[in-house]
């Protein structure tokens, strides 16, 4: 059976931390993808978050064009980039949504290599955080019930 995409979001920032930082320092920008059997974060690569922000600030759209692909263009080859994640749903624990003191909303979880928290750059009351947390819980439950989650990562 083919692994279908259940949910995807572009231009998300991932922090390898329990909660997202107050700046993009230490984060990776990329595309989050939830399939029937795994969660993927397709990172644009090392320092990409900082470089994209600086280019956009200095050069606007031209800066983004100079940097190349948007996160919408990322595919499975991006799993080789720094900051990428591939987590089988059976290994994903505690998906949840959260809100910081500044009302920025995010979602996070624990995985075998650590923790992750994700949110878009402007996340003031972002409704996607709750949707992602709920979708992760549902997909994990359905995967376990169907036995689809077992197999190579």
C-alpha atoms as a PDB file:
ATOM      1  CA  UNK A   1       0.000   0.000   0.000  1.00  0.00           C
ATOM      2  CA  UNK A   2       1.323   3.430  -0.916  1.00  0.00           C
ATOM      3  CA  UNK A   3       2.135   5.880   1.866  1.00  0.00           C
ATOM      4  CA  UNK A   4      -0.292   8.776   1.288  1.00  0.00           C
ATOM      5  CA  UNK A   5       0.158  12.335   2.479  1.00  0.00           C
ATOM      6  CA  UNK A   6      -2.324  13.281   5.201  1.00  0.00           C
ATOM      7  CA  UNK A   7      -1.103  16.819   5.923  1.00  0.00           C
ATOM      8  CA  UNK A   8       1.707  19.110   4.743  1.00  0.00           C
ATOM      9  CA  UNK A   9       2.826  22.639   5.626  1.00  0.00           C
ATOM     10  CA  UNK A  10       5.492  24.794   4.029  1.00  0.00           C
ATOM     11  CA  UNK A  11       7.807  27.416   5.502  1.00  0.00           C
ATOM     12  CA  UNK A  12       7.778  25.921   8.995  1.00  0.00           C
ATOM     13  CA  UNK A  13      10.694  26.362  11.362  1.00  0.00           C
ATOM     14  CA  UNK A  14      11.897  23.415  13.431  1.00  0.00           C
ATOM     15  CA  UNK A  15      13.798  23.803  16.696  1.00  0.00           C
ATOM     16  CA  UNK A  16      15.442  20.704  18.180  1.00  0.00           C
ATOM     17  CA  UNK A  17      14.017  21.792  21.544  1.00  0.00           C
ATOM     18  CA  UNK A  18      10.922  21.241  23.673  1.00  0.00           C
ATOM     19  CA  UNK A  19       9.683  24.755  22.825  1.00  0.00           C
ATOM     20  CA  UNK A  20      10.520  27.037  19.902  1.00  0.00           C
ATOM     21  CA  UNK A  21      13.044  29.776  20.505  1.00  0.00           C
ATOM     22  CA  UNK A  22      12.224  33.462  20.504  1.00  0.00           C
ATOM     23  CA  UNK A  23      14.362  33.922  17.395  1.00  0.00           C
ATOM     24  CA  UNK A  24      15.069  31.709  14.393  1.00  0.00           C
ATOM     25  CA  UNK A  25      18.617  31.124  15.630  1.00  0.00           C
ATOM     26  CA  UNK A  26      19.224  27.401  15.902  1.00  0.00           C
ATOM     27  CA  UNK A  27      16.186  26.510  13.796  1.00  0.00           C
ATOM     28  CA  UNK A  28      15.781  24.966  10.363  1.00  0.00           C
ATOM     29  CA  UNK A  29      13.225  26.031   7.777  1.00  0.00           C
ATOM     30  CA  UNK A  30      11.457  23.403   5.737  1.00  0.00           C
ATOM     31  CA  UNK A  31       8.354  21.446   4.848  1.00  0.00           C
ATOM     32  CA  UNK A  32       6.501  19.255   7.357  1.00  0.00           C
ATOM     33  CA  UNK A  33       4.759  16.211   5.900  1.00  0.00           C
ATOM     34  CA  UNK A  34       2.568  13.680   7.697  1.00  0.00           C
ATOM     35  CA  UNK A  35       1.925  10.397   5.894  1.00  0.00           C
ATOM     36  CA  UNK A  36       0.049   7.270   6.949  1.00  0.00           C
ATOM     37  CA  UNK A  37       3.210   5.841   8.531  1.00  0.00           C
ATOM     38  CA  UNK A  38       5.667   8.650   9.306  1.00  0.00           C
ATOM     39  CA  UNK A  39       6.336  12.309  10.040  1.00  0.00           C
ATOM     40  CA  UNK A  40       8.864  14.026   7.790  1.00  0.00           C
ATOM     41  CA  UNK A  41      10.550  17.373   8.142  1.00  0.00           C
ATOM     42  CA  UNK A  42      12.257  18.175   4.857  1.00  0.00           C
ATOM     43  CA  UNK A  43      14.827  20.782   5.831  1.00  0.00           C
ATOM     44  CA  UNK A  44      16.258  23.300   3.396  1.00  0.00           C
ATOM     45  CA  UNK A  45      19.601  22.782   5.170  1.00  0.00           C
ATOM     46  CA  UNK A  46      22.057  24.223   7.679  1.00  0.00           C
ATOM     47  CA  UNK A  47      21.735  27.902   8.504  1.00  0.00           C
ATOM     48  CA  UNK A  48      18.996  28.188   5.896  1.00  0.00           C
ATOM     49  CA  UNK A  49      16.567  29.870   8.319  1.00  0.00           C
ATOM     50  CA  UNK A  50      19.022  32.637   9.142  1.00  0.00           C
ATOM     51  CA  UNK A  51      20.152  33.076   5.530  1.00  0.00           C
ATOM     52  CA  UNK A  52      16.590  33.249   4.196  1.00  0.00           C
ATOM     53  CA  UNK A  53      15.576  35.821   6.776  1.00  0.00           C
ATOM     54  CA  UNK A  54      18.622  37.971   6.083  1.00  0.00           C
ATOM     55  CA  UNK A  55      18.184  37.785   2.299  1.00  0.00           C
ATOM     56  CA  UNK A  56      14.485  38.626   2.559  1.00  0.00           C
ATOM     57  CA  UNK A  57      15.252  41.551   4.836  1.00  0.00           C
ATOM     58  CA  UNK A  58      17.986  42.949   2.593  1.00  0.00           C
ATOM     59  CA  UNK A  59      16.664  42.078  -0.857  1.00  0.00           C
ATOM     60  CA  UNK A  60      12.973  41.173  -0.549  1.00  0.00           C
ATOM     61  CA  UNK A  61      11.716  38.723  -3.176  1.00  0.00           C
ATOM     62  CA  UNK A  62      14.984  38.972  -5.073  1.00  0.00           C
ATOM     63  CA  UNK A  63      16.798  37.637  -2.007  1.00  0.00           C
ATOM     64  CA  UNK A  64      14.541  34.585  -1.854  1.00  0.00           C
ATOM     65  CA  UNK A  65      15.047  34.014  -5.574  1.00  0.00           C
ATOM     66  CA  UNK A  66      18.822  34.191  -5.158  1.00  0.00           C
ATOM     67  CA  UNK A  67      18.672  31.508  -2.467  1.00  0.00           C
ATOM     68  CA  UNK A  68      16.916  29.109  -4.805  1.00  0.00           C
ATOM     69  CA  UNK A  69      14.080  26.741  -4.007  1.00  0.00           C
ATOM     70  CA  UNK A  70      11.195  27.446  -1.716  1.00  0.00           C
ATOM     71  CA  UNK A  71      10.248  24.803   0.818  1.00  0.00           C
ATOM     72  CA  UNK A  72       7.364  23.781  -1.492  1.00  0.00           C
ATOM     73  CA  UNK A  73       9.990  22.418  -3.882  1.00  0.00           C
ATOM     74  CA  UNK A  74      11.637  20.140  -1.309  1.00  0.00           C
ATOM     75  CA  UNK A  75      11.310  16.398  -1.881  1.00  0.00           C
ATOM     76  CA  UNK A  76      12.636  13.262  -0.175  1.00  0.00           C
ATOM     77  CA  UNK A  77      16.194  14.118  -1.228  1.00  0.00           C
ATOM     78  CA  UNK A  78      16.015  16.864   1.419  1.00  0.00           C
ATOM     79  CA  UNK A  79      16.146  14.164   4.130  1.00  0.00           C
ATOM     80  CA  UNK A  80      19.928  14.294   3.647  1.00  0.00           C
ATOM     81  CA  UNK A  81      20.006  17.989   4.670  1.00  0.00           C
ATOM     82  CA  UNK A  82      20.920  19.156   8.151  1.00  0.00           C
ATOM     83  CA  UNK A  83      17.835  19.507  10.330  1.00  0.00           C
ATOM     84  CA  UNK A  84      15.699  16.975   8.453  1.00  0.00           C
ATOM     85  CA  UNK A  85      13.687  14.354  10.328  1.00  0.00           C
ATOM     86  CA  UNK A  86      12.071  11.078   9.369  1.00  0.00           C
ATOM     87  CA  UNK A  87      10.137   9.618  12.282  1.00  0.00           C
ATOM     88  CA  UNK A  88       8.001   6.468  12.025  1.00  0.00           C
ATOM     89  CA  UNK A  89       4.675   7.181  13.742  1.00  0.00           C
ATOM     90  CA  UNK A  90       5.182   4.369  16.254  1.00  0.00           C
ATOM     91  CA  UNK A  91       8.350   6.185  17.450  1.00  0.00           C
ATOM     92  CA  UNK A  92       6.682   9.575  17.811  1.00  0.00           C
ATOM     93  CA  UNK A  93       5.555  10.379  21.370  1.00  0.00           C
ATOM     94  CA  UNK A  94       3.470  13.078  22.991  1.00  0.00           C
ATOM     95  CA  UNK A  95       2.341  15.227  20.046  1.00  0.00           C
ATOM     96  CA  UNK A  96       0.921  18.454  21.433  1.00  0.00           C
ATOM     97  CA  UNK A  97       0.183  22.086  20.638  1.00  0.00           C
ATOM     98  CA  UNK A  98       1.425  24.937  22.777  1.00  0.00           C
ATOM     99  CA  UNK A  99       1.342  28.699  23.083  1.00  0.00           C
ATOM    100  CA  UNK A 100       4.084  31.008  24.294  1.00  0.00           C
ATOM    101  CA  UNK A 101       3.636  34.108  26.442  1.00  0.00           C
ATOM    102  CA  UNK A 102       3.679  36.193  23.222  1.00  0.00           C
ATOM    103  CA  UNK A 103       0.715  34.160  21.838  1.00  0.00           C
ATOM    104  CA  UNK A 104       2.883  32.409  19.239  1.00  0.00           C
ATOM    105  CA  UNK A 105       1.445  28.916  18.742  1.00  0.00           C
ATOM    106  CA  UNK A 106       3.450  25.809  17.876  1.00  0.00           C
ATOM    107  CA  UNK A 107       3.324  22.023  17.929  1.00  0.00           C
ATOM    108  CA  UNK A 108       5.893  19.569  19.191  1.00  0.00           C
ATOM    109  CA  UNK A 109       6.688  15.971  20.001  1.00  0.00           C
ATOM    110  CA  UNK A 110       9.388  13.605  21.228  1.00  0.00           C
ATOM    111  CA  UNK A 111      11.170  11.228  18.857  1.00  0.00           C
ATOM    112  CA  UNK A 112      14.031   8.707  19.229  1.00  0.00           C
ATOM    113  CA  UNK A 113      16.745  11.328  18.567  1.00  0.00           C
ATOM    114  CA  UNK A 114      15.275  14.008  20.864  1.00  0.00           C
ATOM    115  CA  UNK A 115      12.496  16.581  20.757  1.00  0.00           C
ATOM    116  CA  UNK A 116      11.123  18.889  18.092  1.00  0.00           C
ATOM    117  CA  UNK A 117       8.955  21.988  18.070  1.00  0.00           C
ATOM    118  CA  UNK A 118       7.641  23.598  14.902  1.00  0.00           C
ATOM    119  CA  UNK A 119       5.862  26.765  13.915  1.00  0.00           C
ATOM    120  CA  UNK A 120       5.757  29.271  11.059  1.00  0.00           C
ATOM    121  CA  UNK A 121       7.746  32.469  11.330  1.00  0.00           C
ATOM    122  CA  UNK A 122       4.613  34.490  12.070  1.00  0.00           C
ATOM    123  CA  UNK A 123       2.548  32.249  14.286  1.00  0.00           C
ATOM    124  CA  UNK A 124       0.361  34.642  16.231  1.00  0.00           C
ATOM    125  CA  UNK A 125      -2.630  32.471  17.084  1.00  0.00           C
ATOM    126  CA  UNK A 126      -1.729  30.047  14.252  1.00  0.00           C
ATOM    127  CA  UNK A 127      -4.592  27.553  14.029  1.00  0.00           C
ATOM    128  CA  UNK A 128      -2.320  25.000  12.348  1.00  0.00           C
ATOM    129  CA  UNK A 129      -0.617  24.056  15.609  1.00  0.00           C
ATOM    130  CA  UNK A 130      -3.712  22.378  17.017  1.00  0.00           C
ATOM    131  CA  UNK A 131      -4.541  20.818  13.633  1.00  0.00           C
ATOM    132  CA  UNK A 132      -1.034  19.319  13.393  1.00  0.00           C
ATOM    133  CA  UNK A 133      -1.110  17.958  16.951  1.00  0.00           C
ATOM    134  CA  UNK A 134      -4.530  16.375  16.389  1.00  0.00           C
ATOM    135  CA  UNK A 135      -3.493  14.938  13.003  1.00  0.00           C
ATOM    136  CA  UNK A 136      -0.353  13.387  14.541  1.00  0.00           C
ATOM    137  CA  UNK A 137      -2.391  11.759  17.321  1.00  0.00           C
ATOM    138  CA  UNK A 138      -4.984  10.429  14.838  1.00  0.00           C
ATOM    139  CA  UNK A 139      -2.387   9.136  12.357  1.00  0.00           C
ATOM    140  CA  UNK A 140      -0.381   7.444  15.121  1.00  0.00           C
ATOM    141  CA  UNK A 141      -3.513   5.754  16.457  1.00  0.00           C
ATOM    142  CA  UNK A 142      -4.702   4.627  13.006  1.00  0.00           C
ATOM    143  CA  UNK A 143      -1.233   3.392  12.065  1.00  0.00           C
ATOM    144  CA  UNK A 144      -0.998   1.310  15.245  1.00  0.00           C
ATOM    145  CA  UNK A 145      -4.493  -0.108  14.774  1.00  0.00           C
ATOM    146  CA  UNK A 146      -3.830  -1.137  11.165  1.00  0.00           C
ATOM    147  CA  UNK A 147      -0.305  -2.421  11.755  1.00  0.00           C
ATOM    148  CA  UNK A 148       1.015  -0.111   9.000  1.00  0.00           C
ATOM    149  CA  UNK A 149       3.536   1.515  11.297  1.00  0.00           C
ATOM    150  CA  UNK A 150       5.818  -1.487  11.491  1.00  0.00           C
ATOM    151  CA  UNK A 151       8.675  -1.572   9.038  1.00  0.00           C
ATOM    152  CA  UNK A 152      11.895   0.195   8.109  1.00  0.00           C
ATOM    153  CA  UNK A 153      12.289   3.898   8.806  1.00  0.00           C
END
